[in-house]
Full PDB file with SEQRES, HELIX, SHEET, SSBOND, CRYST1, ORIGX, SCALE, CONECT and MASTER records, all heavy atoms in Angstrom:
SEQRES   1 A   33  LEU VAL ILE GLN SER ARG VAL ALA TYR ILE GLY LYS LYS          
SEQRES   2 A   33  ARG SER LEU GLU PRO ASP GLU LEU THR PHE LEU GLN GLU          
SEQRES   3 A   33  LYS LEU THR LEU VAL PRO GLN                                  
HELIX    1 AA1 VAL A    2  ARG A   14  1                                  13    
HELIX    2 AA2 PRO A   18  LEU A   30  1                                  13    
CRYST1    1.000    1.000    1.000  90.00  90.00  90.00 P 1           1          
ORIGX1      1.000000  0.000000  0.000000        0.00000                         
ORIGX2      0.000000  1.000000  0.000000        0.00000                         
ORIGX3      0.000000  0.000000  1.000000        0.00000                         
SCALE1      1.000000  0.000000  0.000000        0.00000                         
SCALE2      0.000000  1.000000  0.000000        0.00000                         
SCALE3      0.000000  0.000000  1.000000        0.00000                         
ATOM      1  N   LEU A   1       8.256  -6.551   0.823  1.00  0.00           N  
ATOM      2  CA  LEU A   1       9.084  -5.362   0.722  1.00  0.00           C  
ATOM      3  C   LEU A   1       8.690  -4.533  -0.504  1.00  0.00           C  
ATOM      4  O   LEU A   1       8.660  -3.371  -0.566  1.00  0.00           O  
ATOM      5  CB  LEU A   1      10.529  -5.701   0.680  1.00  0.00           C  
ATOM      6  CG  LEU A   1      11.134  -6.194   2.010  1.00  0.00           C  
ATOM      7  CD1 LEU A   1      12.508  -6.613   1.825  1.00  0.00           C  
ATOM      8  CD2 LEU A   1      11.058  -5.066   3.092  1.00  0.00           C  
ATOM      9  N   VAL A   2       8.485  -5.298  -1.649  1.00  0.00           N  
ATOM     10  CA  VAL A   2       8.075  -4.669  -2.900  1.00  0.00           C  
ATOM     11  C   VAL A   2       6.752  -3.981  -2.724  1.00  0.00           C  
ATOM     12  O   VAL A   2       6.506  -2.878  -3.209  1.00  0.00           O  
ATOM     13  CB  VAL A   2       8.102  -5.669  -4.135  1.00  0.00           C  
ATOM     14  CG1 VAL A   2       7.536  -5.102  -5.330  1.00  0.00           C  
ATOM     15  CG2 VAL A   2       9.532  -6.209  -4.325  1.00  0.00           C  
ATOM     16  N   ILE A   3       5.865  -4.717  -2.136  1.00  0.00           N  
ATOM     17  CA  ILE A   3       4.513  -4.146  -1.899  1.00  0.00           C  
ATOM     18  C   ILE A   3       4.583  -2.906  -1.095  1.00  0.00           C  
ATOM     19  O   ILE A   3       3.939  -1.895  -1.402  1.00  0.00           O  
ATOM     20  CB  ILE A   3       3.561  -5.179  -1.256  1.00  0.00           C  
ATOM     21  CG1 ILE A   3       3.218  -6.348  -2.220  1.00  0.00           C  
ATOM     22  CG2 ILE A   3       2.311  -4.547  -0.734  1.00  0.00           C  
ATOM     23  CD1 ILE A   3       2.463  -7.502  -1.592  1.00  0.00           C  
ATOM     24  N   GLN A   4       5.330  -2.886  -0.027  1.00  0.00           N  
ATOM     25  CA  GLN A   4       5.506  -1.736   0.849  1.00  0.00           C  
ATOM     26  C   GLN A   4       5.962  -0.503  -0.009  1.00  0.00           C  
ATOM     27  O   GLN A   4       5.537   0.625   0.094  1.00  0.00           O  
ATOM     28  CB  GLN A   4       6.484  -1.970   2.002  1.00  0.00           C  
ATOM     29  CG  GLN A   4       5.914  -2.871   3.071  1.00  0.00           C  
ATOM     30  CD  GLN A   4       6.951  -3.216   4.106  1.00  0.00           C  
ATOM     31  OE1 GLN A   4       8.133  -2.785   4.065  1.00  0.00           O  
ATOM     32  NE2 GLN A   4       6.565  -4.090   4.981  1.00  0.00           N  
ATOM     33  N   SER A   5       6.987  -0.781  -0.818  1.00  0.00           N  
ATOM     34  CA  SER A   5       7.614   0.298  -1.671  1.00  0.00           C  
ATOM     35  C   SER A   5       6.616   0.823  -2.605  1.00  0.00           C  
ATOM     36  O   SER A   5       6.462   2.044  -2.847  1.00  0.00           O  
ATOM     37  CB  SER A   5       8.831  -0.284  -2.370  1.00  0.00           C  
ATOM     38  OG  SER A   5       9.362   0.645  -3.255  1.00  0.00           O  
ATOM     39  N   ARG A   6       5.906  -0.100  -3.305  1.00  0.00           N  
ATOM     40  CA  ARG A   6       4.927   0.354  -4.281  1.00  0.00           C  
ATOM     41  C   ARG A   6       3.725   1.130  -3.695  1.00  0.00           C  
ATOM     42  O   ARG A   6       3.248   2.035  -4.226  1.00  0.00           O  
ATOM     43  CB  ARG A   6       4.373  -0.809  -5.126  1.00  0.00           C  
ATOM     44  CG  ARG A   6       5.478  -1.461  -5.989  1.00  0.00           C  
ATOM     45  CD  ARG A   6       5.928  -0.569  -7.050  1.00  0.00           C  
ATOM     46  NE  ARG A   6       4.885  -0.349  -8.012  1.00  0.00           N  
ATOM     47  CZ  ARG A   6       4.879   0.617  -9.000  1.00  0.00           C  
ATOM     48  NH1 ARG A   6       5.855   1.421  -9.019  1.00  0.00           N  
ATOM     49  NH2 ARG A   6       3.886   0.754  -9.741  1.00  0.00           N  
ATOM     50  N   VAL A   7       3.335   0.616  -2.509  1.00  0.00           N  
ATOM     51  CA  VAL A   7       2.160   1.314  -1.832  1.00  0.00           C  
ATOM     52  C   VAL A   7       2.630   2.735  -1.420  1.00  0.00           C  
ATOM     53  O   VAL A   7       1.890   3.715  -1.575  1.00  0.00           O  
ATOM     54  CB  VAL A   7       1.716   0.479  -0.565  1.00  0.00           C  
ATOM     55  CG1 VAL A   7       0.838   1.354   0.356  1.00  0.00           C  
ATOM     56  CG2 VAL A   7       0.934  -0.749  -1.005  1.00  0.00           C  
ATOM     57  N   ALA A   8       3.861   2.876  -0.964  1.00  0.00           N  
ATOM     58  CA  ALA A   8       4.369   4.230  -0.613  1.00  0.00           C  
ATOM     59  C   ALA A   8       4.416   5.090  -1.817  1.00  0.00           C  
ATOM     60  O   ALA A   8       4.043   6.278  -1.743  1.00  0.00           O  
ATOM     61  CB  ALA A   8       5.713   4.060   0.031  1.00  0.00           C  
ATOM     62  N   TYR A   9       4.848   4.585  -2.917  1.00  0.00           N  
ATOM     63  CA  TYR A   9       4.908   5.329  -4.168  1.00  0.00           C  
ATOM     64  C   TYR A   9       3.549   5.753  -4.669  1.00  0.00           C  
ATOM     65  O   TYR A   9       3.308   6.929  -4.954  1.00  0.00           O  
ATOM     66  CB  TYR A   9       5.659   4.451  -5.243  1.00  0.00           C  
ATOM     67  CG  TYR A   9       5.604   5.100  -6.657  1.00  0.00           C  
ATOM     68  CD1 TYR A   9       6.449   6.121  -6.975  1.00  0.00           C  
ATOM     69  CD2 TYR A   9       4.687   4.665  -7.543  1.00  0.00           C  
ATOM     70  CE1 TYR A   9       6.379   6.740  -8.223  1.00  0.00           C  
ATOM     71  CE2 TYR A   9       4.650   5.218  -8.862  1.00  0.00           C  
ATOM     72  CZ  TYR A   9       5.457   6.281  -9.166  1.00  0.00           C  
ATOM     73  OH  TYR A   9       5.453   6.842 -10.400  1.00  0.00           O  
ATOM     74  N   ILE A  10       2.612   4.798  -4.643  1.00  0.00           N  
ATOM     75  CA  ILE A  10       1.233   5.077  -5.031  1.00  0.00           C  
ATOM     76  C   ILE A  10       0.590   6.092  -4.083  1.00  0.00           C  
ATOM     77  O   ILE A  10      -0.122   6.988  -4.538  1.00  0.00           O  
ATOM     78  CB  ILE A  10       0.403   3.803  -5.105  1.00  0.00           C  
ATOM     79  CG1 ILE A  10       0.872   2.941  -6.259  1.00  0.00           C  
ATOM     80  CG2 ILE A  10      -1.056   4.047  -5.314  1.00  0.00           C  
ATOM     81  CD1 ILE A  10       0.349   1.535  -6.268  1.00  0.00           C  
ATOM     82  N   GLY A  11       0.884   5.962  -2.854  1.00  0.00           N  
ATOM     83  CA  GLY A  11       0.352   6.846  -1.862  1.00  0.00           C  
ATOM     84  C   GLY A  11       0.800   8.338  -2.098  1.00  0.00           C  
ATOM     85  O   GLY A  11      -0.017   9.238  -1.948  1.00  0.00           O  
ATOM     86  N   LYS A  12       2.068   8.529  -2.359  1.00  0.00           N  
ATOM     87  CA  LYS A  12       2.595   9.807  -2.712  1.00  0.00           C  
ATOM     88  C   LYS A  12       1.928  10.367  -4.013  1.00  0.00           C  
ATOM     89  O   LYS A  12       1.561  11.523  -4.073  1.00  0.00           O  
ATOM     90  CB  LYS A  12       4.056   9.855  -2.779  1.00  0.00           C  
ATOM     91  CG  LYS A  12       4.779   9.622  -1.471  1.00  0.00           C  
ATOM     92  CD  LYS A  12       6.296   9.662  -1.639  1.00  0.00           C  
ATOM     93  CE  LYS A  12       6.987   9.384  -0.336  1.00  0.00           C  
ATOM     94  NZ  LYS A  12       8.446   9.241  -0.461  1.00  0.00           N  
ATOM     95  N   LYS A  13       1.964   9.491  -4.971  1.00  0.00           N  
ATOM     96  CA  LYS A  13       1.438   9.902  -6.334  1.00  0.00           C  
ATOM     97  C   LYS A  13      -0.046  10.258  -6.307  1.00  0.00           C  
ATOM     98  O   LYS A  13      -0.472  11.236  -6.879  1.00  0.00           O  
ATOM     99  CB  LYS A  13       1.588   8.779  -7.289  1.00  0.00           C  
ATOM    100  CG  LYS A  13       1.432   9.186  -8.713  1.00  0.00           C  
ATOM    101  CD  LYS A  13       1.826   8.003  -9.678  1.00  0.00           C  
ATOM    102  CE  LYS A  13       1.590   8.556 -11.124  1.00  0.00           C  
ATOM    103  NZ  LYS A  13       2.101   7.559 -12.045  1.00  0.00           N  
ATOM    104  N   ARG A  14      -0.848   9.536  -5.455  1.00  0.00           N  
ATOM    105  CA  ARG A  14      -2.274   9.740  -5.407  1.00  0.00           C  
ATOM    106  C   ARG A  14      -2.717  10.482  -4.157  1.00  0.00           C  
ATOM    107  O   ARG A  14      -3.903  10.660  -3.957  1.00  0.00           O  
ATOM    108  CB  ARG A  14      -3.010   8.415  -5.459  1.00  0.00           C  
ATOM    109  CG  ARG A  14      -2.699   7.569  -6.632  1.00  0.00           C  
ATOM    110  CD  ARG A  14      -3.443   8.116  -7.876  1.00  0.00           C  
ATOM    111  NE  ARG A  14      -3.153   7.253  -8.992  1.00  0.00           N  
ATOM    112  CZ  ARG A  14      -3.428   7.572 -10.222  1.00  0.00           C  
ATOM    113  NH1 ARG A  14      -3.948   8.756 -10.499  1.00  0.00           N  
ATOM    114  NH2 ARG A  14      -3.129   6.761 -11.153  1.00  0.00           N  
ATOM    115  N   SER A  15      -1.798  10.962  -3.377  1.00  0.00           N  
ATOM    116  CA  SER A  15      -2.073  11.741  -2.111  1.00  0.00           C  
ATOM    117  C   SER A  15      -3.080  10.950  -1.282  1.00  0.00           C  
ATOM    118  O   SER A  15      -4.034  11.480  -0.733  1.00  0.00           O  
ATOM    119  CB  SER A  15      -2.656  13.140  -2.454  1.00  0.00           C  
ATOM    120  OG  SER A  15      -1.714  13.847  -3.212  1.00  0.00           O  
ATOM    121  N   LEU A  16      -2.705   9.735  -0.919  1.00  0.00           N  
ATOM    122  CA  LEU A  16      -3.603   8.854  -0.160  1.00  0.00           C  
ATOM    123  C   LEU A  16      -3.417   9.220   1.326  1.00  0.00           C  
ATOM    124  O   LEU A  16      -2.318   9.554   1.780  1.00  0.00           O  
ATOM    125  CB  LEU A  16      -3.348   7.362  -0.402  1.00  0.00           C  
ATOM    126  CG  LEU A  16      -3.592   6.870  -1.780  1.00  0.00           C  
ATOM    127  CD1 LEU A  16      -3.205   5.355  -1.901  1.00  0.00           C  
ATOM    128  CD2 LEU A  16      -5.057   7.054  -2.196  1.00  0.00           C  
ATOM    129  N   GLU A  17      -4.427   8.981   2.127  1.00  0.00           N  
ATOM    130  CA  GLU A  17      -4.379   9.205   3.523  1.00  0.00           C  
ATOM    131  C   GLU A  17      -3.653   7.989   4.192  1.00  0.00           C  
ATOM    132  O   GLU A  17      -3.674   6.855   3.623  1.00  0.00           O  
ATOM    133  CB  GLU A  17      -5.789   9.356   4.121  1.00  0.00           C  
ATOM    134  CG  GLU A  17      -6.525  10.562   3.605  1.00  0.00           C  
ATOM    135  CD  GLU A  17      -5.891  11.851   4.122  1.00  0.00           C  
ATOM    136  OE1 GLU A  17      -5.421  11.841   5.261  1.00  0.00           O  
ATOM    137  OE2 GLU A  17      -5.912  12.808   3.312  1.00  0.00           O  
ATOM    138  N   PRO A  18      -3.122   8.181   5.376  1.00  0.00           N  
ATOM    139  CA  PRO A  18      -2.488   7.045   6.028  1.00  0.00           C  
ATOM    140  C   PRO A  18      -3.330   5.767   6.218  1.00  0.00           C  
ATOM    141  O   PRO A  18      -2.865   4.666   6.048  1.00  0.00           O  
ATOM    142  CB  PRO A  18      -1.996   7.591   7.395  1.00  0.00           C  
ATOM    143  CG  PRO A  18      -1.911   9.052   7.175  1.00  0.00           C  
ATOM    144  CD  PRO A  18      -2.925   9.412   6.130  1.00  0.00           C  
ATOM    145  N   ASP A  19      -4.625   6.029   6.524  1.00  0.00           N  
ATOM    146  CA  ASP A  19      -5.470   4.795   6.737  1.00  0.00           C  
ATOM    147  C   ASP A  19      -5.748   4.119   5.330  1.00  0.00           C  
ATOM    148  O   ASP A  19      -5.840   2.926   5.302  1.00  0.00           O  
ATOM    149  CB  ASP A  19      -6.809   5.189   7.423  1.00  0.00           C  
ATOM    150  CG  ASP A  19      -7.622   6.229   6.561  1.00  0.00           C  
ATOM    151  OD1 ASP A  19      -7.007   7.106   5.945  1.00  0.00           O  
ATOM    152  OD2 ASP A  19      -8.863   6.191   6.694  1.00  0.00           O  
ATOM    153  N   GLU A  20      -5.730   4.822   4.243  1.00  0.00           N  
ATOM    154  CA  GLU A  20      -5.902   4.269   2.922  1.00  0.00           C  
ATOM    155  C   GLU A  20      -4.640   3.500   2.568  1.00  0.00           C  
ATOM    156  O   GLU A  20      -4.739   2.365   2.013  1.00  0.00           O  
ATOM    157  CB  GLU A  20      -6.157   5.323   1.869  1.00  0.00           C  
ATOM    158  CG  GLU A  20      -7.437   6.063   2.052  1.00  0.00           C  
ATOM    159  CD  GLU A  20      -7.536   7.218   1.158  1.00  0.00           C  
ATOM    160  OE1 GLU A  20      -6.638   8.069   0.993  1.00  0.00           O  
ATOM    161  OE2 GLU A  20      -8.675   7.391   0.487  1.00  0.00           O  
ATOM    162  N   LEU A  21      -3.474   3.993   2.951  1.00  0.00           N  
ATOM    163  CA  LEU A  21      -2.265   3.299   2.684  1.00  0.00           C  
ATOM    164  C   LEU A  21      -2.213   1.964   3.427  1.00  0.00           C  
ATOM    165  O   LEU A  21      -1.820   0.936   2.911  1.00  0.00           O  
ATOM    166  CB  LEU A  21      -1.000   4.103   3.109  1.00  0.00           C  
ATOM    167  CG  LEU A  21      -0.755   5.310   2.218  1.00  0.00           C  
ATOM    168  CD1 LEU A  21       0.406   6.185   2.860  1.00  0.00           C  
ATOM    169  CD2 LEU A  21      -0.385   4.893   0.838  1.00  0.00           C  
ATOM    170  N   THR A  22      -2.583   2.011   4.719  1.00  0.00           N  
ATOM    171  CA  THR A  22      -2.580   0.874   5.568  1.00  0.00           C  
ATOM    172  C   THR A  22      -3.608  -0.171   5.033  1.00  0.00           C  
ATOM    173  O   THR A  22      -3.231  -1.362   4.917  1.00  0.00           O  
ATOM    174  CB  THR A  22      -3.030   1.238   7.055  1.00  0.00           C  
ATOM    175  OG1 THR A  22      -2.123   2.177   7.511  1.00  0.00           O  
ATOM    176  CG2 THR A  22      -3.080  -0.025   7.930  1.00  0.00           C  
ATOM    177  N   PHE A  23      -4.774   0.263   4.647  1.00  0.00           N  
ATOM    178  CA  PHE A  23      -5.784  -0.675   4.039  1.00  0.00           C  
ATOM    179  C   PHE A  23      -5.227  -1.311   2.762  1.00  0.00           C  
ATOM    180  O   PHE A  23      -5.300  -2.512   2.616  1.00  0.00           O  
ATOM    181  CB  PHE A  23      -7.064   0.115   3.688  1.00  0.00           C  
ATOM    182  CG  PHE A  23      -8.109  -0.702   3.088  1.00  0.00           C  
ATOM    183  CD1 PHE A  23      -8.949  -1.560   3.819  1.00  0.00           C  
ATOM    184  CD2 PHE A  23      -8.286  -0.607   1.685  1.00  0.00           C  
ATOM    185  CE1 PHE A  23      -9.868  -2.317   3.168  1.00  0.00           C  
ATOM    186  CE2 PHE A  23      -9.272  -1.385   1.057  1.00  0.00           C  
ATOM    187  CZ  PHE A  23     -10.079  -2.275   1.795  1.00  0.00           C  
ATOM    188  N   LEU A  24      -4.629  -0.574   1.900  1.00  0.00           N  
ATOM    189  CA  LEU A  24      -4.143  -1.057   0.605  1.00  0.00           C  
ATOM    190  C   LEU A  24      -2.959  -2.066   0.855  1.00  0.00           C  
ATOM    191  O   LEU A  24      -3.021  -3.172   0.317  1.00  0.00           O  
ATOM    192  CB  LEU A  24      -3.605   0.048  -0.210  1.00  0.00           C  
ATOM    193  CG  LEU A  24      -3.024  -0.288  -1.625  1.00  0.00           C  
ATOM    194  CD1 LEU A  24      -4.049  -0.988  -2.482  1.00  0.00           C  
ATOM    195  CD2 LEU A  24      -2.552   1.008  -2.285  1.00  0.00           C  
ATOM    196  N   GLN A  25      -2.078  -1.763   1.768  1.00  0.00           N  
ATOM    197  CA  GLN A  25      -0.980  -2.697   2.112  1.00  0.00           C  
ATOM    198  C   GLN A  25      -1.467  -3.915   2.706  1.00  0.00           C  
ATOM    199  O   GLN A  25      -1.021  -5.045   2.429  1.00  0.00           O  
ATOM    200  CB  GLN A  25       0.034  -1.988   2.941  1.00  0.00           C  
ATOM    201  CG  GLN A  25       1.284  -2.870   3.169  1.00  0.00           C  
ATOM    202  CD  GLN A  25       2.418  -2.094   3.737  1.00  0.00           C  
ATOM    203  OE1 GLN A  25       2.529  -0.882   3.519  1.00  0.00           O  
ATOM    204  NE2 GLN A  25       3.257  -2.789   4.489  1.00  0.00           N  
ATOM    205  N   GLU A  26      -2.388  -3.861   3.633  1.00  0.00           N  
ATOM    206  CA  GLU A  26      -2.970  -5.072   4.331  1.00  0.00           C  
ATOM    207  C   GLU A  26      -3.651  -5.962   3.322  1.00  0.00           C  
ATOM    208  O   GLU A  26      -3.453  -7.159   3.381  1.00  0.00           O  
ATOM    209  CB  GLU A  26      -3.920  -4.657   5.451  1.00  0.00           C  
ATOM    210  CG  GLU A  26      -3.264  -4.116   6.674  1.00  0.00           C  
ATOM    211  CD  GLU A  26      -4.261  -3.623   7.694  1.00  0.00           C  
ATOM    212  OE1 GLU A  26      -5.477  -3.635   7.469  1.00  0.00           O  
ATOM    213  OE2 GLU A  26      -3.819  -3.180   8.783  1.00  0.00           O  
ATOM    214  N   LYS A  27      -4.434  -5.392   2.402  1.00  0.00           N  
ATOM    215  CA  LYS A  27      -5.167  -6.227   1.390  1.00  0.00           C  
ATOM    216  C   LYS A  27      -4.210  -6.931   0.487  1.00  0.00           C  
ATOM    217  O   LYS A  27      -4.372  -8.068   0.089  1.00  0.00           O  
ATOM    218  CB  LYS A  27      -6.104  -5.387   0.648  1.00  0.00           C  
ATOM    219  CG  LYS A  27      -7.336  -4.932   1.476  1.00  0.00           C  
ATOM    220  CD  LYS A  27      -8.106  -6.094   1.981  1.00  0.00           C  
ATOM    221  CE  LYS A  27      -9.294  -5.599   2.822  1.00  0.00           C  
ATOM    222  NZ  LYS A  27      -9.988  -6.705   3.443  1.00  0.00           N  
ATOM    223  N   LEU A  28      -3.090  -6.208   0.067  1.00  0.00           N  
ATOM    224  CA  LEU A  28      -2.157  -6.805  -0.879  1.00  0.00           C  
ATOM    225  C   LEU A  28      -1.278  -7.871  -0.190  1.00  0.00           C  
ATOM    226  O   LEU A  28      -0.856  -8.812  -0.800  1.00  0.00           O  
ATOM    227  CB  LEU A  28      -1.296  -5.722  -1.459  1.00  0.00           C  
ATOM    228  CG  LEU A  28      -1.986  -4.787  -2.434  1.00  0.00           C  
ATOM    229  CD1 LEU A  28      -1.082  -3.616  -2.824  1.00  0.00           C  
ATOM    230  CD2 LEU A  28      -2.457  -5.550  -3.663  1.00  0.00           C  
ATOM    231  N   THR A  29      -0.985  -7.654   1.072  1.00  0.00           N  
ATOM    232  CA  THR A  29      -0.115  -8.705   1.724  1.00  0.00           C  
ATOM    233  C   THR A  29      -0.873  -9.889   2.231  1.00  0.00           C  
ATOM    234  O   THR A  29      -0.310 -10.908   2.652  1.00  0.00           O  
ATOM    235  CB  THR A  29       0.708  -8.092   2.901  1.00  0.00           C  
ATOM    236  OG1 THR A  29      -0.179  -7.419   3.765  1.00  0.00           O  
ATOM    237  CG2 THR A  29       1.738  -7.063   2.340  1.00  0.00           C  
ATOM    238  N   LEU A  30      -2.228  -9.842   2.272  1.00  0.00           N  
ATOM    239  CA  LEU A  30      -3.063 -10.976   2.626  1.00  0.00           C  
ATOM    240  C   LEU A  30      -3.074 -12.064   1.536  1.00  0.00           C  
ATOM    241  O   LEU A  30      -3.329 -13.203   1.858  1.00  0.00           O  
ATOM    242  CB  LEU A  30      -4.515 -10.521   2.947  1.00  0.00           C  
ATOM    243  CG  LEU A  30      -4.662  -9.831   4.254  1.00  0.00           C  
ATOM    244  CD1 LEU A  30      -6.134  -9.362   4.385  1.00  0.00           C  
ATOM    245  CD2 LEU A  30      -4.301 -10.732   5.398  1.00  0.00           C  
ATOM    246  N   VAL A  31      -2.842 -11.615   0.355  1.00  0.00           N  
ATOM    247  CA  VAL A  31      -2.816 -12.628  -0.804  1.00  0.00           C  
ATOM    248  C   VAL A  31      -1.649 -13.645  -0.675  1.00  0.00           C  
ATOM    249  O   VAL A  31      -0.514 -13.198  -0.574  1.00  0.00           O  
ATOM    250  CB  VAL A  31      -2.756 -11.909  -2.138  1.00  0.00           C  
ATOM    251  CG1 VAL A  31      -2.779 -12.883  -3.323  1.00  0.00           C  
ATOM    252  CG2 VAL A  31      -3.947 -10.947  -2.259  1.00  0.00           C  
ATOM    253  N   PRO A  32      -1.939 -14.956  -0.576  1.00  0.00           N  
ATOM    254  CA  PRO A  32      -0.796 -15.897  -0.492  1.00  0.00           C  
ATOM    255  C   PRO A  32      -0.015 -15.941  -1.804  1.00  0.00           C  
ATOM    256  O   PRO A  32      -0.521 -15.725  -2.869  1.00  0.00           O  
ATOM    257  CB  PRO A  32      -1.504 -17.216  -0.217  1.00  0.00           C  
ATOM    258  CG  PRO A  32      -2.928 -17.067  -0.674  1.00  0.00           C  
ATOM    259  CD  PRO A  32      -3.218 -15.602  -0.518  1.00  0.00           C  
ATOM    260  N   GLN A  33       1.277 -16.246  -1.623  1.00  0.00           N  
ATOM    261  CA  GLN A  33       2.248 -16.328  -2.705  1.00  0.00           C  
ATOM    262  C   GLN A  33       2.303 -15.022  -3.524  1.00  0.00           C  
ATOM    263  O   GLN A  33       2.397 -14.964  -4.674  1.00  0.00           O  
ATOM    264  CB  GLN A  33       1.918 -17.471  -3.635  1.00  0.00           C  
ATOM    265  CG  GLN A  33       2.021 -18.838  -3.050  1.00  0.00           C  
ATOM    266  CD  GLN A  33       1.764 -19.915  -3.997  1.00  0.00           C  
ATOM    267  OE1 GLN A  33       1.519 -19.808  -5.202  1.00  0.00           O  
ATOM    268  NE2 GLN A  33       1.782 -21.132  -3.491  1.00  0.00           N  
TER     269      GLN A  33                                                      
MASTER        0    0    0    2    0    0    0    6  268    1    0    3          
END                                                                             
């Protein structure tokens, strides 16, 4: 949930495309613990 919130914030701040947001969120949530 924290990752989703931060990715959304970063996406707005950096004007990221939806596919960039998805990629970033997937990579961050793949990390265990």
